PDB file of N, CA and C in Angstrom:
ATOM      1  N   MET A   1      27.016   9.099  21.683  1.00  0.00           N
ATOM      2  CA  MET A   1      25.384   9.093  21.194  1.00  0.00           C
ATOM      3  C   MET A   1      25.224   9.699  20.050  1.00  0.00           C
ATOM      4  N   ASN A   2      24.210   8.758  19.163  1.00  0.00           N
ATOM      5  CA  ASN A   2      24.163   9.701  17.920  1.00  0.00           C
ATOM      6  C   ASN A   2      23.178  10.364  18.250  1.00  0.00           C
ATOM      7  N   ARG A   3      22.943  11.381  18.027  1.00  0.00           N
ATOM      8  CA  ARG A   3      21.349  12.110  18.195  1.00  0.00           C
ATOM      9  C   ARG A   3      20.365  12.600  16.617  1.00  0.00           C
ATOM     10  N   ALA A   4      19.277  12.233  16.965  1.00  0.00           N
ATOM     11  CA  ALA A   4      18.528  12.471  15.482  1.00  0.00           C
ATOM     12  C   ALA A   4      18.186  14.252  15.542  1.00  0.00           C
ATOM     13  N   LEU A   5      18.306  14.579  14.162  1.00  0.00           N
ATOM     14  CA  LEU A   5      17.560  16.264  14.081  1.00  0.00           C
ATOM     15  C   LEU A   5      16.165  15.945  14.215  1.00  0.00           C
ATOM     16  N   PRO A   6      15.678  17.584  14.416  1.00  0.00           N
ATOM     17  CA  PRO A   6      14.679  17.690  14.810  1.00  0.00           C
ATOM     18  C   PRO A   6      13.741  17.370  13.557  1.00  0.00           C
ATOM     19  N   ALA A   7      14.285  17.103  12.563  1.00  0.00           N
ATOM     20  CA  ALA A   7      13.566  16.887  11.394  1.00  0.00           C
ATOM     21  C   ALA A   7      12.695  15.529  11.294  1.00  0.00           C
ATOM     22  N   ASP A   8      13.976  14.848  11.770  1.00  0.00           N
ATOM     23  CA  ASP A   8      14.132  13.354  11.375  1.00  0.00           C
ATOM     24  C   ASP A   8      12.823  12.593  12.572  1.00  0.00           C
ATOM     25  N   LEU A   9      13.003  13.620  13.487  1.00  0.00           N
ATOM     26  CA  LEU A   9      11.917  13.254  14.760  1.00  0.00           C
ATOM     27  C   LEU A   9      10.651  13.935  13.984  1.00  0.00           C
ATOM     28  N   ASP A  10      10.374  14.668  12.986  1.00  0.00           N
ATOM     29  CA  ASP A  10       9.146  15.367  12.556  1.00  0.00           C
ATOM     30  C   ASP A  10       8.714  13.838  11.463  1.00  0.00           C
ATOM     31  N   CYS A  11       9.890  13.324  10.766  1.00  0.00           N
ATOM     32  CA  CYS A  11       9.343  12.492   9.800  1.00  0.00           C
ATOM     33  C   CYS A  11       8.991  11.514  10.583  1.00  0.00           C
ATOM     34  N   ILE A  12       9.705  10.720  11.930  1.00  0.00           N
ATOM     35  CA  ILE A  12       9.310   9.284  12.871  1.00  0.00           C
ATOM     36  C   ILE A  12       8.101   9.593  12.718  1.00  0.00           C
ATOM     37  N   ALA A  13       7.783  10.570  13.508  1.00  0.00           N
ATOM     38  CA  ALA A  13       6.287  10.861  14.043  1.00  0.00           C
ATOM     39  C   ALA A  13       5.128  10.897  12.936  1.00  0.00           C
ATOM     40  N   ALA A  14       5.486  11.403  11.839  1.00  0.00           N
ATOM     41  CA  ALA A  14       4.779  11.433  10.412  1.00  0.00           C
ATOM     42  C   ALA A  14       4.446   9.946   9.944  1.00  0.00           C
ATOM     43  N   VAL A  15       5.632   9.329   9.898  1.00  0.00           N
ATOM     44  CA  VAL A  15       5.538   7.709   9.611  1.00  0.00           C
ATOM     45  C   VAL A  15       4.451   7.081  10.637  1.00  0.00           C
ATOM     46  N   GLU A  16       4.536   7.275  11.858  1.00  0.00           N
ATOM     47  CA  GLU A  16       4.058   6.864  12.963  1.00  0.00           C
ATOM     48  C   GLU A  16       2.420   6.999  12.532  1.00  0.00           C
ATOM     49  N   GLN A  17       2.050   8.206  12.315  1.00  0.00           N
ATOM     50  CA  GLN A  17       0.520   8.585  12.097  1.00  0.00           C
ATOM     51  C   GLN A  17       0.007   8.550  10.607  1.00  0.00           C
ATOM     52  N   VAL A  18       0.720   8.051   9.935  1.00  0.00           N
ATOM     53  CA  VAL A  18      -0.024   8.305   8.739  1.00  0.00           C
ATOM     54  C   VAL A  18      -1.206   7.145   8.448  1.00  0.00           C
ATOM     55  N   THR A  19      -1.143   6.330   8.984  1.00  0.00           N
ATOM     56  CA  THR A  19      -2.370   5.283   9.106  1.00  0.00           C
ATOM     57  C   THR A  19      -3.412   6.005   9.527  1.00  0.00           C
ATOM     58  N   ASP A  20      -3.405   6.346  10.267  1.00  0.00           N
ATOM     59  CA  ASP A  20      -4.420   7.354  10.834  1.00  0.00           C
ATOM     60  C   ASP A  20      -4.951   8.343   9.868  1.00  0.00           C
ATOM     61  N   TYR A  21      -3.797   9.006   9.485  1.00  0.00           N
ATOM     62  CA  TYR A  21      -4.023   9.976   8.673  1.00  0.00           C
ATOM     63  C   TYR A  21      -4.829   9.467   7.554  1.00  0.00           C
ATOM     64  N   LEU A  22      -4.520   9.123   6.740  1.00  0.00           N
ATOM     65  CA  LEU A  22      -5.091   8.008   5.667  1.00  0.00           C
ATOM     66  C   LEU A  22      -6.813   7.679   6.110  1.00  0.00           C
ATOM     67  N   GLU A  23      -6.611   7.110   7.192  1.00  0.00           N
ATOM     68  CA  GLU A  23      -8.096   6.742   7.588  1.00  0.00           C
ATOM     69  C   GLU A  23      -8.887   7.712   8.422  1.00  0.00           C
ATOM     70  N   GLY A  24      -8.466   8.870   8.304  1.00  0.00           N
ATOM     71  CA  GLY A  24      -9.351  10.287   8.971  1.00  0.00           C
ATOM     72  C   GLY A  24      -9.554  10.053  10.330  1.00  0.00           C
ATOM     73  N   ALA A  25      -8.663   9.338  11.114  1.00  0.00           N
ATOM     74  CA  ALA A  25      -8.915   8.907  12.472  1.00  0.00           C
ATOM     75  C   ALA A  25      -8.096   9.734  13.629  1.00  0.00           C
ATOM     76  N   LEU A  26      -7.350  10.778  12.680  1.00  0.00           N
ATOM     77  CA  LEU A  26      -6.108  12.042  13.421  1.00  0.00           C
ATOM     78  C   LEU A  26      -7.055  12.992  14.236  1.00  0.00           C
ATOM     79  N   PRO A  27      -7.010  13.115  15.100  1.00  0.00           N
ATOM     80  CA  PRO A  27      -7.467  14.382  16.021  1.00  0.00           C
ATOM     81  C   PRO A  27      -7.452  15.585  14.925  1.00  0.00           C
ATOM     82  N   PRO A  28      -8.170  16.666  14.644  1.00  0.00           N
ATOM     83  CA  PRO A  28      -7.828  17.916  14.221  1.00  0.00           C
ATOM     84  C   PRO A  28      -6.810  18.625  14.229  1.00  0.00           C
ATOM     85  N   HIS A  29      -6.161  18.550  15.496  1.00  0.00           N
ATOM     86  CA  HIS A  29      -4.811  19.653  15.796  1.00  0.00           C
ATOM     87  C   HIS A  29      -3.684  18.572  14.981  1.00  0.00           C
ATOM     88  N   ALA A  30      -3.885  17.438  15.507  1.00  0.00           N
ATOM     89  CA  ALA A  30      -3.036  15.955  14.729  1.00  0.00           C
ATOM     90  C   ALA A  30      -3.073  16.180  13.547  1.00  0.00           C
ATOM     91  N   ARG A  31      -3.961  16.118  12.705  1.00  0.00           N
ATOM     92  CA  ARG A  31      -3.822  16.354  11.245  1.00  0.00           C
ATOM     93  C   ARG A  31      -3.606  17.490  10.855  1.00  0.00           C
ATOM     94  N   THR A  32      -4.174  18.604  11.557  1.00  0.00           N
ATOM     95  CA  THR A  32      -2.947  20.217  10.749  1.00  0.00           C
ATOM     96  C   THR A  32      -1.412  19.794  11.181  1.00  0.00           C
ATOM     97  N   GLU A  33      -0.986  19.257  12.504  1.00  0.00           N
ATOM     98  CA  GLU A  33       0.486  19.364  12.288  1.00  0.00           C
ATOM     99  C   GLU A  33       1.008  18.459  11.009  1.00  0.00           C
ATOM    100  N   PHE A  34       0.198  17.268  10.904  1.00  0.00           N
ATOM    101  CA  PHE A  34       1.044  16.071   9.392  1.00  0.00           C
ATOM    102  C   PHE A  34       0.984  16.558   8.628  1.00  0.00           C
ATOM    103  N   GLU A  35      -0.398  17.723   8.293  1.00  0.00           N
ATOM    104  CA  GLU A  35      -0.133  18.377   6.916  1.00  0.00           C
ATOM    105  C   GLU A  35       0.837  19.561   7.086  1.00  0.00           C
ATOM    106  N   GLN A  36       1.200  20.419   8.079  1.00  0.00           N
ATOM    107  CA  GLN A  36       1.811  21.011   7.907  1.00  0.00           C
ATOM    108  C   GLN A  36       3.581  20.712   7.675  1.00  0.00           C
ATOM    109  N   HIS A  37       3.323  19.278   8.318  1.00  0.00           N
ATOM    110  CA  HIS A  37       4.803  18.797   8.093  1.00  0.00           C
ATOM    111  C   HIS A  37       5.301  18.467   6.624  1.00  0.00           C
ATOM    112  N   LEU A  38       4.006  17.992   5.720  1.00  0.00           N
ATOM    113  CA  LEU A  38       3.964  17.236   4.561  1.00  0.00           C
ATOM    114  C   LEU A  38       4.461  18.694   3.844  1.00  0.00           C
ATOM    115  N   VAL A  39       4.129  20.099   4.213  1.00  0.00           N
ATOM    116  CA  VAL A  39       4.323  21.303   3.297  1.00  0.00           C
ATOM    117  C   VAL A  39       6.013  21.481   3.327  1.00  0.00           C
ATOM    118  N   THR A  40       6.574  20.655   4.402  1.00  0.00           N
ATOM    119  CA  THR A  40       7.936  21.346   4.298  1.00  0.00           C
ATOM    120  C   THR A  40       8.822  19.873   4.104  1.00  0.00           C
ATOM    121  N   CYS A  41       8.186  19.045   3.959  1.00  0.00           N
ATOM    122  CA  CYS A  41       9.009  17.264   3.929  1.00  0.00           C
ATOM    123  C   CYS A  41       8.704  16.787   2.666  1.00  0.00           C
ATOM    124  N   PRO A  42       9.163  16.941   1.722  1.00  0.00           N
ATOM    125  CA  PRO A  42       9.127  16.224   0.249  1.00  0.00           C
ATOM    126  C   PRO A  42       9.315  14.811   0.502  1.00  0.00           C
ATOM    127  N   GLY A  43      10.182  14.097   1.058  1.00  0.00           N
ATOM    128  CA  GLY A  43      10.219  12.838   1.344  1.00  0.00           C
ATOM    129  C   GLY A  43       9.236  12.217   2.117  1.00  0.00           C
ATOM    130  N   CYS A  44       8.520  12.858   3.189  1.00  0.00           N
ATOM    131  CA  CYS A  44       6.844  12.165   3.539  1.00  0.00           C
ATOM    132  C   CYS A  44       5.836  12.528   2.342  1.00  0.00           C
ATOM    133  N   VAL A  45       6.039  13.432   1.781  1.00  0.00           N
ATOM    134  CA  VAL A  45       4.898  13.623   0.737  1.00  0.00           C
ATOM    135  C   VAL A  45       5.076  12.260  -0.305  1.00  0.00           C
ATOM    136  N   THR A  46       6.598  11.943  -0.547  1.00  0.00           N
ATOM    137  CA  THR A  46       6.840  10.968  -1.390  1.00  0.00           C
ATOM    138  C   THR A  46       6.040   9.427  -0.945  1.00  0.00           C
ATOM    139  N   TYR A  47       6.823   9.566   0.620  1.00  0.00           N
ATOM    140  CA  TYR A  47       5.802   8.330   1.244  1.00  0.00           C
ATOM    141  C   TYR A  47       4.562   7.800   1.084  1.00  0.00           C
ATOM    142  N   LEU A  48       3.769   9.226   1.335  1.00  0.00           N
ATOM    143  CA  LEU A  48       2.159   9.278   1.551  1.00  0.00           C
ATOM    144  C   LEU A  48       1.896   8.556  -0.008  1.00  0.00           C
ATOM    145  N   ARG A  49       2.046   9.287  -0.951  1.00  0.00           N
ATOM    146  CA  ARG A  49       1.789   8.694  -2.435  1.00  0.00           C
ATOM    147  C   ARG A  49       2.052   7.387  -2.313  1.00  0.00           C
ATOM    148  N   GLN A  50       3.173   6.875  -1.948  1.00  0.00           N
ATOM    149  CA  GLN A  50       3.589   5.231  -2.275  1.00  0.00           C
ATOM    150  C   GLN A  50       2.462   4.766  -1.267  1.00  0.00           C
ATOM    151  N   LEU A  51       1.987   5.185  -0.277  1.00  0.00           N
ATOM    152  CA  LEU A  51       1.318   4.375   0.349  1.00  0.00           C
ATOM    153  C   LEU A  51      -0.054   4.369  -0.233  1.00  0.00           C
ATOM    154  N   ARG A  52      -0.479   5.514  -0.596  1.00  0.00           N
ATOM    155  CA  ARG A  52      -1.925   5.678  -1.392  1.00  0.00           C
ATOM    156  C   ARG A  52      -1.663   4.704  -2.622  1.00  0.00           C
ATOM    157  N   ALA A  53      -0.863   4.525  -3.400  1.00  0.00           N
ATOM    158  CA  ALA A  53      -0.534   3.901  -4.828  1.00  0.00           C
ATOM    159  C   ALA A  53      -0.843   2.565  -4.008  1.00  0.00           C
ATOM    160  N   GLN A  54       0.182   1.931  -2.977  1.00  0.00           N
ATOM    161  CA  GLN A  54      -0.203   0.408  -2.930  1.00  0.00           C
ATOM    162  C   GLN A  54      -1.713   0.163  -2.361  1.00  0.00           C
ATOM    163  N   ILE A  55      -2.410   1.215  -1.472  1.00  0.00           N
ATOM    164  CA  ILE A  55      -3.765   0.981  -1.243  1.00  0.00           C
ATOM    165  C   ILE A  55      -4.593   0.932  -2.400  1.00  0.00           C
ATOM    166  N   ALA A  56      -4.003   1.443  -3.442  1.00  0.00           N
ATOM    167  CA  ALA A  56      -5.079   1.686  -4.581  1.00  0.00           C
ATOM    168  C   ALA A  56      -4.668   0.152  -5.388  1.00  0.00           C
ATOM    169  N   ALA A  57      -3.593   0.049  -5.309  1.00  0.00           N
ATOM    170  CA  ALA A  57      -3.311  -1.447  -6.289  1.00  0.00           C
ATOM    171  C   ALA A  57      -3.824  -2.656  -5.272  1.00  0.00           C
ATOM    172  N   SER A  58      -3.483  -2.570  -4.235  1.00  0.00           N
ATOM    173  CA  SER A  58      -4.107  -3.650  -3.374  1.00  0.00           C
ATOM    174  C   SER A  58      -5.180  -3.869  -3.496  1.00  0.00           C
ATOM    175  N   SER A  59      -6.316  -2.672  -3.592  1.00  0.00           N
ATOM    176  CA  SER A  59      -7.639  -2.896  -3.170  1.00  0.00           C
ATOM    177  C   SER A  59      -7.932  -3.955  -4.716  1.00  0.00           C
ATOM    178  N   THR A  60      -7.326  -4.068  -5.657  1.00  0.00           N
ATOM    179  CA  THR A  60      -7.532  -4.898  -7.261  1.00  0.00           C
ATOM    180  C   THR A  60      -7.559  -6.014  -7.035  1.00  0.00           C
ATOM    181  N   LEU A  61      -6.595  -6.678  -5.825  1.00  0.00           N
ATOM    182  CA  LEU A  61      -6.526  -8.119  -5.907  1.00  0.00           C
ATOM    183  C   LEU A  61      -7.480  -8.566  -5.092  1.00  0.00           C
ATOM    184  N   ALA A  62      -8.442  -8.095  -4.626  1.00  0.00           N
ATOM    185  CA  ALA A  62      -9.555  -8.789  -3.685  1.00  0.00           C
ATOM    186  C   ALA A  62     -10.781  -8.865  -5.025  1.00  0.00           C
ATOM    187  N   GLU A  63     -10.651  -8.258  -6.292  1.00  0.00           N
ATOM    188  CA  GLU A  63     -11.388  -8.388  -7.296  1.00  0.00           C
ATOM    189  C   GLU A  63     -11.216  -9.998  -7.896  1.00  0.00           C
ATOM    190  N   GLN A  64     -12.702 -10.621  -7.950  1.00  0.00           N
ATOM    191  CA  GLN A  64     -12.765 -11.939  -8.394  1.00  0.00           C
ATOM    192  C   GLN A  64     -12.709 -11.578  -9.975  1.00  0.00           C
ATOM    193  N   ARG A  65     -12.026 -12.530 -10.905  1.00  0.00           N
ATOM    194  CA  ARG A  65     -11.932 -12.352 -12.110  1.00  0.00           C
ATOM    195  C   ARG A  65     -11.938 -13.539 -12.630  1.00  0.00           C
ATOM    196  N   PRO A  66     -13.182 -14.124 -13.489  1.00  0.00           N
ATOM    197  CA  PRO A  66     -13.125 -15.391 -14.131  1.00  0.00           C
ATOM    198  C   PRO A  66     -11.816 -15.782 -15.188  1.00  0.00           C
ATOM    199  N   VAL A  67     -11.593 -16.889 -14.900  1.00  0.00           N
ATOM    200  CA  VAL A  67     -10.735 -17.598 -15.737  1.00  0.00           C
ATOM    201  C   VAL A  67     -11.115 -18.049 -16.896  1.00  0.00           C
ATOM    202  N   PRO A  68     -10.415 -17.492 -18.038  1.00  0.00           N
ATOM    203  CA  PRO A  68     -10.783 -17.676 -19.021  1.00  0.00           C
ATOM    204  C   PRO A  68     -10.797 -18.982 -19.694  1.00  0.00           C
ATOM    205  N   GLU A  69     -11.747 -19.598 -20.098  1.00  0.00           N
ATOM    206  CA  GLU A  69     -12.447 -20.970 -20.469  1.00  0.00           C
ATOM    207  C   GLU A  69     -10.779 -21.828 -21.236  1.00  0.00           C
ATOM    208  N   GLU A  70     -10.443 -21.116 -22.323  1.00  0.00           N
ATOM    209  CA  GLU A  70      -9.129 -21.784 -22.731  1.00  0.00           C
ATOM    210  C   GLU A  70      -8.033 -21.825 -21.844  1.00  0.00           C
ATOM    211  N   VAL A  71      -8.019 -21.081 -20.888  1.00  0.00           N
ATOM    212  CA  VAL A  71      -7.030 -21.616 -19.788  1.00  0.00           C
ATOM    213  C   VAL A  71      -7.298 -22.576 -18.843  1.00  0.00           C
ATOM    214  N   THR A  72      -8.819 -22.760 -18.447  1.00  0.00           N
ATOM    215  CA  THR A  72      -9.090 -23.958 -17.785  1.00  0.00           C
ATOM    216  C   THR A  72      -9.043 -25.240 -18.644  1.00  0.00           C
ATOM    217  N   GLN A  73      -9.258 -25.021 -19.976  1.00  0.00           N
ATOM    218  CA  GLN A  73      -9.177 -26.158 -20.956  1.00  0.00           C
ATOM    219  C   GLN A  73      -7.763 -26.551 -21.083  1.00  0.00           C
ATOM    220  N   GLU A  74      -6.797 -25.837 -21.229  1.00  0.00           N
ATOM    221  CA  GLU A  74      -5.723 -25.865 -20.999  1.00  0.00           C
ATOM    222  C   GLU A  74      -5.154 -26.984 -19.632  1.00  0.00           C
ATOM    223  N   LEU A  75      -5.247 -26.042 -18.782  1.00  0.00           N
ATOM    224  CA  LEU A  75      -4.763 -26.938 -17.163  1.00  0.00           C
ATOM    225  C   LEU A  75      -5.187 -28.221 -17.553  1.00  0.00           C
ATOM    226  N   LEU A  76      -6.542 -28.279 -17.539  1.00  0.00           N
ATOM    227  CA  LEU A  76      -6.984 -29.812 -17.694  1.00  0.00           C
ATOM    228  C   LEU A  76      -6.616 -30.645 -18.671  1.00  0.00           C
ATOM    229  N   ALA A  77      -6.295 -30.228 -20.123  1.00  0.00           N
ATOM    230  CA  ALA A  77      -5.414 -31.052 -20.605  1.00  0.00           C
ATOM    231  C   ALA A  77      -4.111 -31.525 -20.067  1.00  0.00           C
ATOM    232  N   MET A  78      -3.258 -30.364 -19.477  1.00  0.00           N
ATOM    233  CA  MET A  78      -2.042 -31.003 -18.914  1.00  0.00           C
ATOM    234  C   MET A  78      -1.993 -31.933 -17.495  1.00  0.00           C
ATOM    235  N   PHE A  79      -3.317 -31.703 -17.042  1.00  0.00           N
ATOM    236  CA  PHE A  79      -3.507 -32.586 -16.051  1.00  0.00           C
ATOM    237  C   PHE A  79      -3.708 -34.042 -16.501  1.00  0.00           C
ATOM    238  N   ARG A  80      -4.263 -34.197 -17.072  1.00  0.00           N
ATOM    239  CA  ARG A  80      -5.044 -35.418 -17.577  1.00  0.00           C
ATOM    240  C   ARG A  80      -3.911 -36.275 -18.377  1.00  0.00           C
ATOM    241  N   ALA A  81      -2.504 -35.035 -19.089  1.00  0.00           N
ATOM    242  CA  ALA A  81      -1.797 -35.940 -19.795  1.00  0.00           C
ATOM    243  C   ALA A  81      -0.368 -36.209 -18.779  1.00  0.00           C
ATOM    244  N   SER A  82      -0.669 -35.535 -17.583  1.00  0.00           N
ATOM    245  CA  SER A  82       0.410 -35.873 -16.410  1.00  0.00           C
ATOM    246  C   SER A  82      -0.155 -37.231 -15.932  1.00  0.00           C
ATOM    247  N   ARG A  83      -1.233 -37.723 -16.070  1.00  0.00           N
ATOM    248  CA  ARG A  83      -2.085 -38.868 -15.489  1.00  0.00           C
ATOM    249  C   ARG A  83      -2.054 -39.655 -16.676  1.00  0.00           C
ATOM    250  N   GLY A  84      -1.262 -39.385 -17.796  1.00  0.00           N
ATOM    251  CA  GLY A  84      -1.524 -40.633 -18.892  1.00  0.00           C
ATOM    252  C   GLY A  84      -2.863 -40.797 -19.749  1.00  0.00           C
ATOM    253  N   GLU A  85      -3.860 -39.797 -19.013  1.00  0.00           N
ATOM    254  CA  GLU A  85      -4.963 -39.616 -19.724  1.00  0.00           C
ATOM    255  C   GLU A  85      -5.136 -39.126 -21.202  1.00  0.00           C
ATOM    256  N   LYS A  86      -6.216 -39.179 -21.832  1.00  0.00           N
ATOM    257  CA  LYS A  86      -6.567 -38.715 -23.001  1.00  0.00           C
ATOM    258  C   LYS A  86      -7.490 -37.672 -22.932  1.00  0.00           C
TER     259      LYS A  86
END
């Protein structure tokens, strides 16, 4: 039977709590334990940074950006050409 190292168990617990941590939903004691783990675990710090970057990047996906007029005209021309229209 393969036994996980205690540090591995801390990382597993941190990964399970990271969403609550980012949302500010961890109770104070759990938040302190989570942050103490981060002090000694560069891997979990990297994971947390990656999640923050993903959240920041994905938040821009919801932004509506207008399609440039030339793109609209080119798509219409391609559609008309595909139907044999001028």
